[in-house]
Amino acid sequence: MKTVLKLEEAALFIFGIFLFNRLSYEWWWFLVLILAPDLSMIGYALGNKTGAFLYNLFHHKGIALLIYGLGCYFSIESIQLAGIILFSHSAMDRIFGYGLKYEKGFKYTHLGEIGK
């Protein structure tokens, strides 16, 4: 089952690249921004509860799609870009086993414990 889930996330990551390709940004923007959502890990400096909340906020695909949809609705390409980056980054993280976080610590995710 893990392989099927990773393949699904890989397909979603490729879909994110497809959506990015429809924007007028140069490719280097994707490469520079793809790791930006991980800045949300700084929240762990304020404790596990705050860290998990901020991490999950920036790694939730529903929020990413909402932001992308708002960018499409209002025809604001930079908002579309933000949604695509959040979506693609979340898919990439899940390929590597990094899921949404539980409040008891960074390594506890909805995909299982990181490092086991």
N, C-alpha and C. Protein backbone atom coordinates (compact mmCIF):
# COMPACT_ATOMS: atom_id res chain seq x y z
N MET A 1 0.82 -1.20 0.00
CA MET A 1 0.00 0.00 0.00
C MET A 1 0.86 1.26 0.00
N LYS A 2 2.00 1.21 0.71
CA LYS A 2 2.88 2.38 0.75
C LYS A 2 3.34 2.77 -0.65
N THR A 3 3.62 1.78 -1.48
CA THR A 3 4.07 2.05 -2.85
C THR A 3 2.97 2.74 -3.65
N VAL A 4 1.75 2.29 -3.50
CA VAL A 4 0.62 2.89 -4.21
C VAL A 4 0.45 4.35 -3.78
N LEU A 5 0.55 4.60 -2.47
CA LEU A 5 0.42 5.97 -1.97
C LEU A 5 1.54 6.87 -2.49
N LYS A 6 2.76 6.34 -2.55
CA LYS A 6 3.89 7.12 -3.07
C LYS A 6 3.70 7.42 -4.55
N LEU A 7 3.18 6.46 -5.30
CA LEU A 7 2.92 6.69 -6.72
C LEU A 7 1.83 7.74 -6.91
N GLU A 8 0.82 7.69 -6.07
CA GLU A 8 -0.24 8.69 -6.13
C GLU A 8 0.32 10.09 -5.85
N GLU A 9 1.16 10.20 -4.83
CA GLU A 9 1.77 11.49 -4.51
C GLU A 9 2.70 11.96 -5.61
N ALA A 10 3.41 11.03 -6.24
CA ALA A 10 4.27 11.39 -7.37
C ALA A 10 3.43 11.95 -8.52
N ALA A 11 2.29 11.34 -8.77
CA ALA A 11 1.39 11.85 -9.81
C ALA A 11 0.89 13.25 -9.46
N LEU A 12 0.58 13.49 -8.18
CA LEU A 12 0.13 14.81 -7.76
C LEU A 12 1.26 15.84 -7.87
N PHE A 13 2.49 15.43 -7.58
CA PHE A 13 3.63 16.32 -7.75
C PHE A 13 3.80 16.70 -9.22
N ILE A 14 3.68 15.73 -10.10
CA ILE A 14 3.77 16.00 -11.54
C ILE A 14 2.64 16.91 -11.98
N PHE A 15 1.45 16.73 -11.41
CA PHE A 15 0.33 17.61 -11.71
C PHE A 15 0.65 19.04 -11.28
N GLY A 16 1.30 19.19 -10.13
CA GLY A 16 1.72 20.51 -9.67
C GLY A 16 2.69 21.16 -10.65
N ILE A 17 3.61 20.36 -11.19
CA ILE A 17 4.54 20.88 -12.20
C ILE A 17 3.77 21.30 -13.45
N PHE A 18 2.78 20.51 -13.83
CA PHE A 18 1.94 20.86 -14.98
C PHE A 18 1.25 22.21 -14.75
N LEU A 19 0.66 22.38 -13.57
CA LEU A 19 -0.01 23.65 -13.27
C LEU A 19 0.97 24.81 -13.26
N PHE A 20 2.16 24.59 -12.70
CA PHE A 20 3.18 25.63 -12.70
C PHE A 20 3.55 26.02 -14.13
N ASN A 21 3.65 25.04 -14.99
CA ASN A 21 4.03 25.28 -16.39
C ASN A 21 3.03 26.18 -17.11
N ARG A 22 1.80 26.24 -16.64
CA ARG A 22 0.77 27.08 -17.25
C ARG A 22 0.89 28.55 -16.83
N LEU A 23 1.73 28.82 -15.81
CA LEU A 23 1.95 30.19 -15.37
C LEU A 23 3.08 30.82 -16.20
N SER A 24 3.24 32.11 -16.05
CA SER A 24 4.27 32.80 -16.85
C SER A 24 5.61 32.93 -16.13
N TYR A 25 5.79 32.20 -15.03
CA TYR A 25 7.04 32.27 -14.28
C TYR A 25 8.12 31.40 -14.92
N GLU A 26 9.36 31.82 -14.76
CA GLU A 26 10.49 31.01 -15.22
C GLU A 26 10.61 29.79 -14.32
N TRP A 27 11.20 28.72 -14.85
CA TRP A 27 11.31 27.47 -14.10
C TRP A 27 12.09 27.60 -12.81
N TRP A 28 13.07 28.50 -12.77
CA TRP A 28 13.89 28.61 -11.57
C TRP A 28 13.06 29.04 -10.36
N TRP A 29 11.91 29.70 -10.58
CA TRP A 29 11.04 30.07 -9.45
C TRP A 29 10.53 28.82 -8.74
N PHE A 30 10.17 27.80 -9.49
CA PHE A 30 9.70 26.55 -8.89
C PHE A 30 10.80 25.93 -8.03
N LEU A 31 12.00 25.89 -8.59
CA LEU A 31 13.12 25.28 -7.88
C LEU A 31 13.49 26.04 -6.61
N VAL A 32 13.41 27.37 -6.67
CA VAL A 32 13.74 28.19 -5.50
C VAL A 32 12.66 28.08 -4.42
N LEU A 33 11.41 28.05 -4.83
CA LEU A 33 10.30 28.11 -3.87
C LEU A 33 9.83 26.77 -3.33
N ILE A 34 10.21 25.67 -3.97
CA ILE A 34 9.64 24.37 -3.61
C ILE A 34 9.90 23.98 -2.15
N LEU A 35 10.96 24.47 -1.55
CA LEU A 35 11.24 24.14 -0.15
C LEU A 35 10.77 25.23 0.82
N ALA A 36 10.22 26.32 0.32
CA ALA A 36 9.79 27.43 1.17
C ALA A 36 8.77 27.01 2.24
N PRO A 37 7.82 26.12 1.97
CA PRO A 37 6.86 25.74 3.02
C PRO A 37 7.52 25.13 4.26
N ASP A 38 8.74 24.62 4.11
CA ASP A 38 9.42 24.05 5.27
C ASP A 38 9.86 25.10 6.27
N LEU A 39 9.81 26.37 5.90
CA LEU A 39 10.09 27.42 6.87
C LEU A 39 9.09 27.39 8.03
N SER A 40 7.94 26.75 7.80
CA SER A 40 6.94 26.63 8.86
C SER A 40 7.44 25.79 10.03
N MET A 41 8.51 25.04 9.83
CA MET A 41 9.08 24.24 10.92
C MET A 41 9.65 25.13 12.02
N ILE A 42 9.88 26.38 11.73
CA ILE A 42 10.37 27.32 12.74
C ILE A 42 9.39 27.37 13.92
N GLY A 43 8.12 27.08 13.65
CA GLY A 43 7.11 27.06 14.71
C GLY A 43 7.44 26.10 15.83
N TYR A 44 8.25 25.08 15.54
CA TYR A 44 8.63 24.13 16.59
C TYR A 44 9.51 24.77 17.65
N ALA A 45 10.09 25.92 17.36
CA ALA A 45 10.86 26.66 18.37
C ALA A 45 9.94 27.17 19.49
N LEU A 46 8.64 27.26 19.18
CA LEU A 46 7.65 27.72 20.16
C LEU A 46 6.92 26.56 20.83
N GLY A 47 7.34 25.35 20.53
CA GLY A 47 6.73 24.17 21.14
C GLY A 47 6.09 23.26 20.10
N ASN A 48 5.82 22.03 20.52
CA ASN A 48 5.27 21.04 19.60
C ASN A 48 3.88 21.40 19.09
N LYS A 49 3.04 21.96 19.95
CA LYS A 49 1.67 22.28 19.55
C LYS A 49 1.68 23.37 18.47
N THR A 50 2.42 24.44 18.69
CA THR A 50 2.51 25.53 17.70
C THR A 50 3.20 25.04 16.44
N GLY A 51 4.26 24.27 16.63
CA GLY A 51 4.99 23.74 15.47
C GLY A 51 4.12 22.86 14.59
N ALA A 52 3.37 21.96 15.21
CA ALA A 52 2.48 21.08 14.44
C ALA A 52 1.40 21.89 13.73
N PHE A 53 0.84 22.89 14.41
CA PHE A 53 -0.20 23.70 13.80
C PHE A 53 0.32 24.43 12.55
N LEU A 54 1.47 25.10 12.70
CA LEU A 54 2.02 25.85 11.57
C LEU A 54 2.47 24.93 10.45
N TYR A 55 3.11 23.82 10.81
CA TYR A 55 3.54 22.87 9.80
C TYR A 55 2.34 22.35 9.01
N ASN A 56 1.29 21.93 9.72
CA ASN A 56 0.11 21.39 9.06
C ASN A 56 -0.61 22.44 8.22
N LEU A 57 -0.60 23.69 8.67
CA LEU A 57 -1.22 24.76 7.91
C LEU A 57 -0.55 24.93 6.55
N PHE A 58 0.76 24.83 6.52
CA PHE A 58 1.51 25.03 5.28
C PHE A 58 1.70 23.75 4.48
N HIS A 59 1.22 22.63 4.98
CA HIS A 59 1.37 21.36 4.29
C HIS A 59 0.03 20.67 4.04
N HIS A 60 -1.05 21.40 4.14
CA HIS A 60 -2.39 20.84 3.94
C HIS A 60 -2.80 21.08 2.49
N LYS A 61 -3.06 20.03 1.77
CA LYS A 61 -3.39 20.17 0.34
C LYS A 61 -4.70 20.91 0.12
N GLY A 62 -5.65 20.77 1.03
CA GLY A 62 -6.92 21.50 0.90
C GLY A 62 -6.70 23.00 0.93
N ILE A 63 -5.85 23.44 1.83
CA ILE A 63 -5.53 24.88 1.92
C ILE A 63 -4.79 25.32 0.66
N ALA A 64 -3.87 24.47 0.19
CA ALA A 64 -3.14 24.79 -1.05
C ALA A 64 -4.10 24.95 -2.22
N LEU A 65 -5.07 24.06 -2.33
CA LEU A 65 -6.04 24.15 -3.43
C LEU A 65 -6.95 25.36 -3.28
N LEU A 66 -7.30 25.70 -2.05
CA LEU A 66 -8.10 26.89 -1.81
C LEU A 66 -7.34 28.15 -2.27
N ILE A 67 -6.08 28.23 -1.90
CA ILE A 67 -5.26 29.38 -2.31
C ILE A 67 -5.13 29.42 -3.83
N TYR A 68 -4.87 28.29 -4.45
CA TYR A 68 -4.77 28.24 -5.91
C TYR A 68 -6.10 28.67 -6.55
N GLY A 69 -7.20 28.15 -6.02
CA GLY A 69 -8.51 28.50 -6.56
C GLY A 69 -8.81 29.99 -6.44
N LEU A 70 -8.43 30.58 -5.31
CA LEU A 70 -8.62 32.04 -5.15
C LEU A 70 -7.78 32.81 -6.16
N GLY A 71 -6.56 32.33 -6.40
CA GLY A 71 -5.72 32.96 -7.41
C GLY A 71 -6.32 32.88 -8.80
N CYS A 72 -6.94 31.75 -9.10
CA CYS A 72 -7.61 31.60 -10.41
C CYS A 72 -8.84 32.50 -10.48
N TYR A 73 -9.63 32.50 -9.43
CA TYR A 73 -10.87 33.28 -9.41
C TYR A 73 -10.58 34.78 -9.59
N PHE A 74 -9.58 35.26 -8.88
CA PHE A 74 -9.25 36.69 -8.95
C PHE A 74 -8.19 37.01 -10.01
N SER A 75 -7.77 36.01 -10.76
CA SER A 75 -6.76 36.16 -11.81
C SER A 75 -5.48 36.81 -11.29
N ILE A 76 -5.01 36.30 -10.15
CA ILE A 76 -3.76 36.79 -9.55
C ILE A 76 -2.76 35.63 -9.62
N GLU A 77 -1.84 35.75 -10.55
CA GLU A 77 -0.92 34.66 -10.81
C GLU A 77 0.01 34.36 -9.63
N SER A 78 0.38 35.35 -8.86
CA SER A 78 1.26 35.10 -7.70
C SER A 78 0.54 34.26 -6.63
N ILE A 79 -0.76 34.43 -6.50
CA ILE A 79 -1.53 33.62 -5.56
C ILE A 79 -1.66 32.18 -6.09
N GLN A 80 -1.84 32.06 -7.39
CA GLN A 80 -1.86 30.74 -8.00
C GLN A 80 -0.52 30.04 -7.76
N LEU A 81 0.57 30.78 -7.92
CA LEU A 81 1.90 30.22 -7.69
C LEU A 81 2.03 29.73 -6.25
N ALA A 82 1.58 30.51 -5.30
CA ALA A 82 1.66 30.11 -3.89
C ALA A 82 0.90 28.80 -3.66
N GLY A 83 -0.29 28.69 -4.23
CA GLY A 83 -1.07 27.46 -4.08
C GLY A 83 -0.38 26.26 -4.72
N ILE A 84 0.19 26.47 -5.89
CA ILE A 84 0.89 25.37 -6.58
C ILE A 84 2.10 24.91 -5.79
N ILE A 85 2.86 25.87 -5.26
CA ILE A 85 4.05 25.51 -4.48
C ILE A 85 3.64 24.74 -3.23
N LEU A 86 2.63 25.22 -2.51
CA LEU A 86 2.17 24.51 -1.32
C LEU A 86 1.70 23.09 -1.65
N PHE A 87 0.94 22.97 -2.73
CA PHE A 87 0.42 21.68 -3.15
C PHE A 87 1.55 20.73 -3.56
N SER A 88 2.44 21.23 -4.40
CA SER A 88 3.54 20.39 -4.90
C SER A 88 4.48 19.98 -3.78
N HIS A 89 4.77 20.92 -2.88
CA HIS A 89 5.65 20.61 -1.76
C HIS A 89 5.02 19.54 -0.87
N SER A 90 3.74 19.65 -0.61
CA SER A 90 3.06 18.66 0.23
C SER A 90 3.12 17.27 -0.41
N ALA A 91 2.91 17.21 -1.71
CA ALA A 91 2.99 15.92 -2.40
C ALA A 91 4.42 15.37 -2.32
N MET A 92 5.41 16.24 -2.52
CA MET A 92 6.80 15.81 -2.46
C MET A 92 7.14 15.28 -1.07
N ASP A 93 6.71 15.98 -0.03
CA ASP A 93 6.96 15.53 1.34
C ASP A 93 6.36 14.15 1.59
N ARG A 94 5.16 13.93 1.11
CA ARG A 94 4.49 12.65 1.35
C ARG A 94 5.17 11.51 0.59
N ILE A 95 5.79 11.82 -0.55
CA ILE A 95 6.57 10.80 -1.25
C ILE A 95 7.68 10.28 -0.34
N PHE A 96 8.28 11.18 0.42
CA PHE A 96 9.39 10.83 1.31
C PHE A 96 8.95 10.42 2.72
N GLY A 97 7.63 10.33 2.93
CA GLY A 97 7.11 9.85 4.20
C GLY A 97 6.86 10.91 5.26
N TYR A 98 6.93 12.17 4.87
CA TYR A 98 6.66 13.26 5.82
C TYR A 98 5.20 13.66 5.70
N GLY A 99 4.42 13.30 6.70
CA GLY A 99 3.00 13.61 6.67
C GLY A 99 2.67 14.76 7.59
N LEU A 100 1.38 14.99 7.76
CA LEU A 100 0.90 16.01 8.69
C LEU A 100 1.28 15.58 10.10
N LYS A 101 1.58 16.56 10.94
CA LYS A 101 2.17 16.28 12.26
C LYS A 101 1.14 16.20 13.37
N TYR A 102 1.44 15.31 14.32
CA TYR A 102 0.71 15.27 15.58
C TYR A 102 1.40 16.20 16.57
N GLU A 103 0.68 16.60 17.60
CA GLU A 103 1.21 17.56 18.56
C GLU A 103 2.28 17.00 19.48
N LYS A 104 2.48 15.70 19.50
CA LYS A 104 3.47 15.17 20.43
C LYS A 104 4.91 15.27 19.93
N GLY A 105 5.12 15.70 18.69
CA GLY A 105 6.48 15.90 18.20
C GLY A 105 6.58 15.83 16.69
N PHE A 106 7.65 16.36 16.15
CA PHE A 106 7.84 16.45 14.71
C PHE A 106 7.83 15.09 14.02
N LYS A 107 8.38 14.10 14.67
CA LYS A 107 8.52 12.80 14.00
C LYS A 107 7.23 11.98 13.98
N TYR A 108 6.17 12.46 14.62
CA TYR A 108 4.90 11.75 14.67
C TYR A 108 3.95 12.31 13.61
N THR A 109 3.71 11.52 12.56
CA THR A 109 2.90 12.00 11.44
C THR A 109 1.73 11.06 11.16
N HIS A 110 0.82 11.53 10.32
CA HIS A 110 -0.33 10.70 9.95
C HIS A 110 0.09 9.53 9.07
N LEU A 111 1.31 9.54 8.57
CA LEU A 111 1.84 8.43 7.76
C LEU A 111 2.67 7.46 8.60
N GLY A 112 2.80 7.75 9.87
CA GLY A 112 3.61 6.92 10.76
C GLY A 112 4.77 7.73 11.31
N GLU A 113 5.51 7.10 12.17
CA GLU A 113 6.64 7.78 12.81
C GLU A 113 7.82 7.87 11.83
N ILE A 114 8.38 9.06 11.72
CA ILE A 114 9.53 9.28 10.84
C ILE A 114 10.75 8.60 11.46
N GLY A 115 11.48 7.87 10.63
CA GLY A 115 12.69 7.22 11.10
C GLY A 115 12.52 5.76 11.49
N LYS A 116 11.32 5.25 11.35
CA LYS A 116 11.11 3.82 11.66
C LYS A 116 10.93 3.04 10.39
